[in-house]
Amino acid sequence: MFFLKKKGKSPHLLRGEWGERCAKKELQRLGLEFLIQNYKVEGVGEIDLIFRDQACLCFVEVKPRQLSEMSRP
């Protein structure tokens, strides 16, 4: 896959970065306002993307899948 060609990073990290870029682009296309990416919460983990939709904050966890893994949530 085209996003797995960078050297020095494992394929699952590259797939995750690619998924975050795709999700960010799509949510912006839908009109949501992008606020921050990869927000770290001490002792808890990380929030992939945070957007605003009018008065609502949207916290997004991105889980990219290969076509063979696709299924309904």
N, C-alpha and C. Protein backbone atom coordinates (compact mmCIF):
# COMPACT_ATOMS: atom_id res chain seq x y z
N MET A 1 0.84 -1.18 0.00
CA MET A 1 0.00 0.00 0.00
C MET A 1 0.88 1.24 0.00
N PHE A 2 0.40 2.32 -0.61
CA PHE A 2 1.22 3.51 -0.79
C PHE A 2 1.64 4.16 0.50
N PHE A 3 0.88 4.04 1.58
CA PHE A 3 1.24 4.72 2.82
C PHE A 3 2.23 3.92 3.65
N LEU A 4 2.63 2.75 3.19
CA LEU A 4 3.56 1.91 3.94
C LEU A 4 4.99 2.02 3.42
N LYS A 5 5.29 3.02 2.61
CA LYS A 5 6.59 3.09 1.96
C LYS A 5 7.61 3.93 2.72
N LYS A 6 7.25 4.67 3.76
CA LYS A 6 8.22 5.45 4.52
C LYS A 6 9.11 4.50 5.32
N LYS A 7 10.37 4.83 5.36
CA LYS A 7 11.30 3.98 6.11
C LYS A 7 11.38 4.48 7.56
N GLY A 8 11.63 3.54 8.47
CA GLY A 8 11.83 3.90 9.86
C GLY A 8 10.60 3.80 10.74
N LYS A 9 9.44 3.67 10.16
CA LYS A 9 8.22 3.53 10.95
C LYS A 9 7.57 2.20 10.62
N SER A 10 6.94 1.62 11.62
CA SER A 10 6.27 0.34 11.39
C SER A 10 5.00 0.55 10.57
N PRO A 11 4.58 -0.49 9.84
CA PRO A 11 3.39 -0.37 8.99
C PRO A 11 2.13 0.05 9.75
N HIS A 12 1.94 -0.43 10.99
CA HIS A 12 0.70 -0.06 11.69
C HIS A 12 0.71 1.41 12.08
N LEU A 13 1.88 2.00 12.37
CA LEU A 13 1.93 3.44 12.67
C LEU A 13 1.66 4.26 11.42
N LEU A 14 2.21 3.84 10.30
CA LEU A 14 1.97 4.55 9.04
C LEU A 14 0.51 4.45 8.63
N ARG A 15 -0.10 3.29 8.83
CA ARG A 15 -1.52 3.12 8.51
C ARG A 15 -2.36 4.05 9.40
N GLY A 16 -1.99 4.16 10.67
CA GLY A 16 -2.70 5.05 11.58
C GLY A 16 -2.60 6.51 11.17
N GLU A 17 -1.40 6.94 10.79
CA GLU A 17 -1.22 8.33 10.32
C GLU A 17 -2.05 8.59 9.07
N TRP A 18 -2.05 7.62 8.16
CA TRP A 18 -2.83 7.76 6.94
C TRP A 18 -4.32 7.86 7.26
N GLY A 19 -4.80 7.01 8.18
CA GLY A 19 -6.20 7.04 8.57
C GLY A 19 -6.59 8.36 9.20
N GLU A 20 -5.71 8.91 10.02
CA GLU A 20 -5.99 10.21 10.65
C GLU A 20 -6.07 11.32 9.61
N ARG A 21 -5.17 11.29 8.63
CA ARG A 21 -5.23 12.31 7.56
C ARG A 21 -6.54 12.21 6.79
N CYS A 22 -6.95 10.98 6.46
CA CYS A 22 -8.20 10.78 5.71
C CYS A 22 -9.41 11.24 6.52
N ALA A 23 -9.45 10.87 7.80
CA ALA A 23 -10.57 11.26 8.65
C ALA A 23 -10.64 12.77 8.80
N LYS A 24 -9.48 13.39 9.02
CA LYS A 24 -9.43 14.85 9.19
C LYS A 24 -9.96 15.55 7.93
N LYS A 25 -9.49 15.10 6.78
CA LYS A 25 -9.92 15.70 5.51
C LYS A 25 -11.43 15.55 5.31
N GLU A 26 -11.97 14.37 5.61
CA GLU A 26 -13.41 14.14 5.41
C GLU A 26 -14.25 14.97 6.37
N LEU A 27 -13.86 15.05 7.63
CA LEU A 27 -14.63 15.83 8.59
C LEU A 27 -14.58 17.32 8.27
N GLN A 28 -13.44 17.80 7.78
CA GLN A 28 -13.36 19.19 7.35
C GLN A 28 -14.25 19.42 6.13
N ARG A 29 -14.28 18.45 5.23
CA ARG A 29 -15.15 18.55 4.04
C ARG A 29 -16.62 18.66 4.45
N LEU A 30 -16.95 17.99 5.55
CA LEU A 30 -18.33 18.02 6.04
C LEU A 30 -18.65 19.29 6.84
N GLY A 31 -17.65 20.14 7.03
CA GLY A 31 -17.90 21.44 7.65
C GLY A 31 -17.53 21.56 9.12
N LEU A 32 -16.93 20.53 9.70
CA LEU A 32 -16.51 20.62 11.09
C LEU A 32 -15.22 21.42 11.18
N GLU A 33 -15.06 22.13 12.28
CA GLU A 33 -13.87 22.95 12.49
C GLU A 33 -12.81 22.13 13.22
N PHE A 34 -11.63 21.97 12.61
CA PHE A 34 -10.54 21.21 13.20
C PHE A 34 -9.91 22.01 14.33
N LEU A 35 -9.69 21.35 15.48
CA LEU A 35 -9.06 22.02 16.62
C LEU A 35 -7.66 21.49 16.89
N ILE A 36 -7.50 20.18 17.07
CA ILE A 36 -6.19 19.63 17.43
C ILE A 36 -6.12 18.15 17.05
N GLN A 37 -4.89 17.69 16.82
CA GLN A 37 -4.64 16.29 16.48
C GLN A 37 -3.66 15.69 17.49
N ASN A 38 -3.89 14.43 17.86
CA ASN A 38 -3.02 13.68 18.77
C ASN A 38 -2.85 14.38 20.12
N TYR A 39 -3.98 14.73 20.73
CA TYR A 39 -3.99 15.38 22.05
C TYR A 39 -3.72 14.33 23.11
N LYS A 40 -2.65 14.54 23.87
CA LYS A 40 -2.26 13.57 24.90
C LYS A 40 -2.91 13.90 26.23
N VAL A 41 -3.50 12.87 26.86
CA VAL A 41 -4.13 12.99 28.16
C VAL A 41 -3.28 12.18 29.14
N GLU A 42 -2.63 12.86 30.05
CA GLU A 42 -1.69 12.21 30.97
C GLU A 42 -2.35 11.08 31.74
N GLY A 43 -1.71 9.92 31.73
CA GLY A 43 -2.21 8.77 32.45
C GLY A 43 -3.35 8.03 31.78
N VAL A 44 -3.83 8.56 30.65
CA VAL A 44 -4.97 7.95 29.97
C VAL A 44 -4.60 7.49 28.56
N GLY A 45 -4.03 8.39 27.78
CA GLY A 45 -3.69 8.05 26.40
C GLY A 45 -3.75 9.26 25.50
N GLU A 46 -4.31 9.06 24.31
CA GLU A 46 -4.31 10.10 23.30
C GLU A 46 -5.65 10.14 22.58
N ILE A 47 -6.10 11.34 22.24
CA ILE A 47 -7.29 11.53 21.41
C ILE A 47 -6.78 11.87 20.02
N ASP A 48 -7.18 11.08 19.02
CA ASP A 48 -6.64 11.26 17.68
C ASP A 48 -6.97 12.63 17.09
N LEU A 49 -8.24 12.99 17.08
CA LEU A 49 -8.67 14.25 16.47
C LEU A 49 -9.74 14.89 17.34
N ILE A 50 -9.70 16.21 17.43
CA ILE A 50 -10.76 16.95 18.12
C ILE A 50 -11.27 18.02 17.15
N PHE A 51 -12.58 18.02 16.95
CA PHE A 51 -13.25 18.97 16.07
C PHE A 51 -14.35 19.69 16.85
N ARG A 52 -14.85 20.77 16.24
CA ARG A 52 -16.02 21.46 16.77
C ARG A 52 -17.07 21.49 15.68
N ASP A 53 -18.30 21.16 16.06
CA ASP A 53 -19.44 21.25 15.16
C ASP A 53 -20.44 22.17 15.85
N GLN A 54 -20.36 23.45 15.50
CA GLN A 54 -21.13 24.50 16.15
C GLN A 54 -20.80 24.51 17.65
N ALA A 55 -21.73 24.19 18.52
CA ALA A 55 -21.48 24.24 19.96
C ALA A 55 -21.04 22.89 20.54
N CYS A 56 -20.81 21.91 19.68
CA CYS A 56 -20.50 20.56 20.13
C CYS A 56 -19.03 20.22 19.85
N LEU A 57 -18.32 19.73 20.89
CA LEU A 57 -16.97 19.21 20.67
C LEU A 57 -17.08 17.75 20.23
N CYS A 58 -16.26 17.37 19.26
CA CYS A 58 -16.28 16.02 18.71
C CYS A 58 -14.91 15.38 18.91
N PHE A 59 -14.86 14.31 19.68
CA PHE A 59 -13.63 13.58 19.94
C PHE A 59 -13.62 12.35 19.03
N VAL A 60 -12.57 12.21 18.23
CA VAL A 60 -12.54 11.18 17.20
C VAL A 60 -11.39 10.20 17.45
N GLU A 61 -11.72 8.93 17.51
CA GLU A 61 -10.73 7.86 17.58
C GLU A 61 -10.71 7.19 16.21
N VAL A 62 -9.57 7.19 15.56
CA VAL A 62 -9.45 6.65 14.20
C VAL A 62 -8.90 5.23 14.26
N LYS A 63 -9.58 4.31 13.58
CA LYS A 63 -9.14 2.92 13.50
C LYS A 63 -9.15 2.50 12.03
N PRO A 64 -8.07 2.77 11.31
CA PRO A 64 -8.05 2.39 9.89
C PRO A 64 -8.03 0.88 9.73
N ARG A 65 -8.71 0.39 8.72
CA ARG A 65 -8.79 -1.05 8.44
C ARG A 65 -8.41 -1.32 7.00
N GLN A 66 -7.93 -2.52 6.75
CA GLN A 66 -7.71 -2.95 5.38
C GLN A 66 -9.05 -3.41 4.82
N LEU A 67 -9.17 -3.46 3.51
CA LEU A 67 -10.43 -3.86 2.90
C LEU A 67 -10.89 -5.22 3.40
N SER A 68 -9.97 -6.14 3.64
CA SER A 68 -10.34 -7.47 4.09
C SER A 68 -10.89 -7.46 5.52
N GLU A 69 -10.64 -6.37 6.26
CA GLU A 69 -11.10 -6.27 7.65
C GLU A 69 -12.39 -5.46 7.77
N MET A 70 -12.91 -4.94 6.66
CA MET A 70 -14.05 -4.04 6.71
C MET A 70 -15.31 -4.78 7.20
N SER A 71 -15.98 -4.14 8.12
CA SER A 71 -17.26 -4.64 8.61
C SER A 71 -18.01 -3.48 9.22
N ARG A 72 -19.24 -3.70 9.51
CA ARG A 72 -20.05 -2.64 10.12
C ARG A 72 -19.61 -2.47 11.57
N PRO A 73 -19.66 -1.22 12.09
CA PRO A 73 -19.27 -0.99 13.49
C PRO A 73 -20.22 -1.65 14.46
